[in-house]
PDB file of N, CA and C in Angstrom:
ATOM      1  N   UNK A   1      18.947 -19.710  11.752  1.00  0.00           N
ATOM      2  CA  UNK A   1      18.879 -20.068  13.075  1.00  0.00           C
ATOM      3  C   UNK A   1      17.552 -20.259  13.614  1.00  0.00           C
ATOM      4  N   UNK A   2      16.878 -19.238  13.529  1.00  0.00           N
ATOM      5  CA  UNK A   2      15.322 -19.398  13.850  1.00  0.00           C
ATOM      6  C   UNK A   2      14.719 -20.635  13.548  1.00  0.00           C
ATOM      7  N   UNK A   3      14.944 -20.919  12.177  1.00  0.00           N
ATOM      8  CA  UNK A   3      14.171 -22.177  11.799  1.00  0.00           C
ATOM      9  C   UNK A   3      14.719 -23.505  12.405  1.00  0.00           C
ATOM     10  N   UNK A   4      15.990 -23.486  12.520  1.00  0.00           N
ATOM     11  CA  UNK A   4      16.606 -24.867  12.963  1.00  0.00           C
ATOM     12  C   UNK A   4      16.457 -24.812  14.568  1.00  0.00           C
ATOM     13  N   UNK A   5      16.600 -23.823  15.271  1.00  0.00           N
ATOM     14  CA  UNK A   5      16.196 -23.733  16.812  1.00  0.00           C
ATOM     15  C   UNK A   5      14.976 -24.082  17.287  1.00  0.00           C
ATOM     16  N   UNK A   6      13.790 -23.581  16.487  1.00  0.00           N
ATOM     17  CA  UNK A   6      12.458 -23.778  16.649  1.00  0.00           C
ATOM     18  C   UNK A   6      11.839 -24.852  15.875  1.00  0.00           C
ATOM     19  N   UNK A   7      12.803 -25.541  15.103  1.00  0.00           N
ATOM     20  CA  UNK A   7      12.256 -26.449  14.022  1.00  0.00           C
ATOM     21  C   UNK A   7      11.012 -26.138  13.414  1.00  0.00           C
ATOM     22  N   UNK A   8      11.187 -24.917  12.762  1.00  0.00           N
ATOM     23  CA  UNK A   8      10.147 -24.342  11.988  1.00  0.00           C
ATOM     24  C   UNK A   8       9.977 -24.782  10.356  1.00  0.00           C
ATOM     25  N   UNK A   9       8.905 -25.043   9.909  1.00  0.00           N
ATOM     26  CA  UNK A   9       8.726 -25.301   8.627  1.00  0.00           C
ATOM     27  C   UNK A   9       8.049 -24.248   7.914  1.00  0.00           C
ATOM     28  N   UNK A  10       8.730 -23.561   7.029  1.00  0.00           N
ATOM     29  CA  UNK A  10       8.177 -22.333   6.411  1.00  0.00           C
ATOM     30  C   UNK A  10       6.790 -22.666   5.508  1.00  0.00           C
ATOM     31  N   UNK A  11       6.583 -24.051   5.220  1.00  0.00           N
ATOM     32  CA  UNK A  11       5.472 -24.469   4.542  1.00  0.00           C
ATOM     33  C   UNK A  11       4.207 -24.334   5.310  1.00  0.00           C
ATOM     34  N   UNK A  12       4.359 -24.452   6.575  1.00  0.00           N
ATOM     35  CA  UNK A  12       3.235 -24.289   7.542  1.00  0.00           C
ATOM     36  C   UNK A  12       2.711 -23.015   7.912  1.00  0.00           C
ATOM     37  N   UNK A  13       1.406 -22.768   7.790  1.00  0.00           N
ATOM     38  CA  UNK A  13       0.788 -21.414   8.140  1.00  0.00           C
ATOM     39  C   UNK A  13       1.261 -21.122   9.611  1.00  0.00           C
ATOM     40  N   UNK A  14       1.118 -22.043  10.622  1.00  0.00           N
ATOM     41  CA  UNK A  14       1.492 -21.590  12.046  1.00  0.00           C
ATOM     42  C   UNK A  14       2.893 -21.150  12.019  1.00  0.00           C
ATOM     43  N   UNK A  15       3.758 -21.735  11.315  1.00  0.00           N
ATOM     44  CA  UNK A  15       5.294 -21.550  11.402  1.00  0.00           C
ATOM     45  C   UNK A  15       5.603 -20.303  10.694  1.00  0.00           C
ATOM     46  N   UNK A  16       4.788 -20.041   9.633  1.00  0.00           N
ATOM     47  CA  UNK A  16       4.980 -18.600   9.139  1.00  0.00           C
ATOM     48  C   UNK A  16       4.831 -17.588   9.797  1.00  0.00           C
ATOM     49  N   UNK A  17       3.690 -17.588  10.686  1.00  0.00           N
ATOM     50  CA  UNK A  17       3.138 -16.572  11.709  1.00  0.00           C
ATOM     51  C   UNK A  17       4.098 -16.392  12.602  1.00  0.00           C
ATOM     52  N   UNK A  18       4.977 -17.500  13.161  1.00  0.00           N
ATOM     53  CA  UNK A  18       6.045 -17.018  13.910  1.00  0.00           C
ATOM     54  C   UNK A  18       7.220 -16.488  13.507  1.00  0.00           C
ATOM     55  N   UNK A  19       7.500 -16.907  12.076  1.00  0.00           N
ATOM     56  CA  UNK A  19       8.612 -16.274  11.447  1.00  0.00           C
ATOM     57  C   UNK A  19       8.460 -14.629  11.183  1.00  0.00           C
ATOM     58  N   UNK A  20       7.232 -14.533  10.774  1.00  0.00           N
ATOM     59  CA  UNK A  20       6.935 -13.004  10.563  1.00  0.00           C
ATOM     60  C   UNK A  20       7.047 -12.205  11.666  1.00  0.00           C
ATOM     61  N   UNK A  21       6.356 -12.636  12.752  1.00  0.00           N
ATOM     62  CA  UNK A  21       6.471 -12.014  14.136  1.00  0.00           C
ATOM     63  C   UNK A  21       8.038 -11.691  14.543  1.00  0.00           C
ATOM     64  N   UNK A  22       8.980 -12.886  14.515  1.00  0.00           N
ATOM     65  CA  UNK A  22      10.105 -12.648  14.957  1.00  0.00           C
ATOM     66  C   UNK A  22      10.973 -11.634  13.812  1.00  0.00           C
ATOM     67  N   UNK A  23      10.661 -11.727  12.686  1.00  0.00           N
ATOM     68  CA  UNK A  23      11.343 -10.862  11.444  1.00  0.00           C
ATOM     69  C   UNK A  23      10.711  -9.365  12.012  1.00  0.00           C
ATOM     70  N   UNK A  24       9.493  -9.214  12.252  1.00  0.00           N
ATOM     71  CA  UNK A  24       9.035  -7.772  12.525  1.00  0.00           C
ATOM     72  C   UNK A  24       9.692  -7.293  13.856  1.00  0.00           C
ATOM     73  N   UNK A  25       9.880  -8.021  14.875  1.00  0.00           N
ATOM     74  CA  UNK A  25      10.435  -7.848  16.121  1.00  0.00           C
ATOM     75  C   UNK A  25      11.931  -7.345  15.788  1.00  0.00           C
ATOM     76  N   UNK A  26      12.442  -8.297  15.198  1.00  0.00           N
ATOM     77  CA  UNK A  26      13.971  -7.857  14.815  1.00  0.00           C
ATOM     78  C   UNK A  26      14.268  -6.708  13.973  1.00  0.00           C
ATOM     79  N   UNK A  27      13.721  -6.397  13.011  1.00  0.00           N
ATOM     80  CA  UNK A  27      13.581  -5.283  12.218  1.00  0.00           C
ATOM     81  C   UNK A  27      12.950  -3.922  12.840  1.00  0.00           C
ATOM     82  N   UNK A  28      11.881  -4.183  13.277  1.00  0.00           N
ATOM     83  CA  UNK A  28      11.077  -2.961  13.672  1.00  0.00           C
ATOM     84  C   UNK A  28      10.783  -2.865  15.324  1.00  0.00           C
ATOM     85  N   UNK A  29      11.336  -3.852  16.115  1.00  0.00           N
ATOM     86  CA  UNK A  29      11.232  -3.882  17.469  1.00  0.00           C
ATOM     87  C   UNK A  29      11.776  -2.721  18.169  1.00  0.00           C
ATOM     88  N   UNK A  30      11.738  -2.800  19.547  1.00  0.00           N
ATOM     89  CA  UNK A  30      12.155  -1.770  20.451  1.00  0.00           C
ATOM     90  C   UNK A  30      13.606  -1.654  20.079  1.00  0.00           C
ATOM     91  N   UNK A  31      14.302  -0.309  20.108  1.00  0.00           N
ATOM     92  CA  UNK A  31      15.553  -0.180  19.892  1.00  0.00           C
ATOM     93  C   UNK A  31      15.989  -0.024  18.495  1.00  0.00           C
ATOM     94  N   UNK A  32      15.220  -0.387  17.540  1.00  0.00           N
ATOM     95  CA  UNK A  32      15.602  -0.257  16.258  1.00  0.00           C
ATOM     96  C   UNK A  32      15.198   1.084  15.638  1.00  0.00           C
ATOM     97  N   UNK A  33      15.855   1.490  14.669  1.00  0.00           N
ATOM     98  CA  UNK A  33      15.706   2.624  13.991  1.00  0.00           C
ATOM     99  C   UNK A  33      15.319   2.573  12.364  1.00  0.00           C
ATOM    100  N   UNK A  34      14.261   3.118  12.000  1.00  0.00           N
ATOM    101  CA  UNK A  34      13.694   3.020  10.728  1.00  0.00           C
ATOM    102  C   UNK A  34      14.633   3.814   9.790  1.00  0.00           C
ATOM    103  N   UNK A  35      14.953   3.499   8.548  1.00  0.00           N
ATOM    104  CA  UNK A  35      15.713   4.312   7.589  1.00  0.00           C
ATOM    105  C   UNK A  35      15.062   5.713   7.437  1.00  0.00           C
ATOM    106  N   UNK A  36      15.763   6.614   7.078  1.00  0.00           N
ATOM    107  CA  UNK A  36      15.181   7.967   6.931  1.00  0.00           C
ATOM    108  C   UNK A  36      14.129   7.934   5.745  1.00  0.00           C
ATOM    109  N   UNK A  37      14.467   7.133   4.661  1.00  0.00           N
ATOM    110  CA  UNK A  37      13.498   6.969   3.538  1.00  0.00           C
ATOM    111  C   UNK A  37      12.313   6.197   3.694  1.00  0.00           C
ATOM    112  N   UNK A  38      12.032   5.584   4.999  1.00  0.00           N
ATOM    113  CA  UNK A  38      11.149   4.748   5.117  1.00  0.00           C
ATOM    114  C   UNK A  38       9.725   5.392   5.079  1.00  0.00           C
ATOM    115  N   UNK A  39       8.804   4.804   4.134  1.00  0.00           N
ATOM    116  CA  UNK A  39       7.537   5.313   3.999  1.00  0.00           C
ATOM    117  C   UNK A  39       6.455   4.054   4.500  1.00  0.00           C
ATOM    118  N   UNK A  40       5.505   4.397   5.405  1.00  0.00           N
ATOM    119  CA  UNK A  40       4.919   3.235   5.823  1.00  0.00           C
ATOM    120  C   UNK A  40       3.852   2.871   4.806  1.00  0.00           C
ATOM    121  N   UNK A  41       3.226   1.706   4.498  1.00  0.00           N
ATOM    122  CA  UNK A  41       2.527   1.252   3.556  1.00  0.00           C
ATOM    123  C   UNK A  41       1.005   2.034   3.734  1.00  0.00           C
ATOM    124  N   UNK A  42       0.503   2.231   2.726  1.00  0.00           N
ATOM    125  CA  UNK A  42      -0.863   2.811   2.681  1.00  0.00           C
ATOM    126  C   UNK A  42      -1.758   1.626   2.923  1.00  0.00           C
ATOM    127  N   UNK A  43      -2.759   1.960   4.103  1.00  0.00           N
ATOM    128  CA  UNK A  43      -3.656   1.128   4.265  1.00  0.00           C
ATOM    129  C   UNK A  43      -4.985   1.175   3.634  1.00  0.00           C
TER     130      UNK A  43
END
């Protein structure tokens, strides 16, 4: 739905950034709960 509504092309760098931002907001945004087993990636 995101790709169609915003006419995003996954091959374009700019569109990839929008997609990643939306995915992070959906999965890890306000109101979401991380699974008990979640371990943040080491930096």
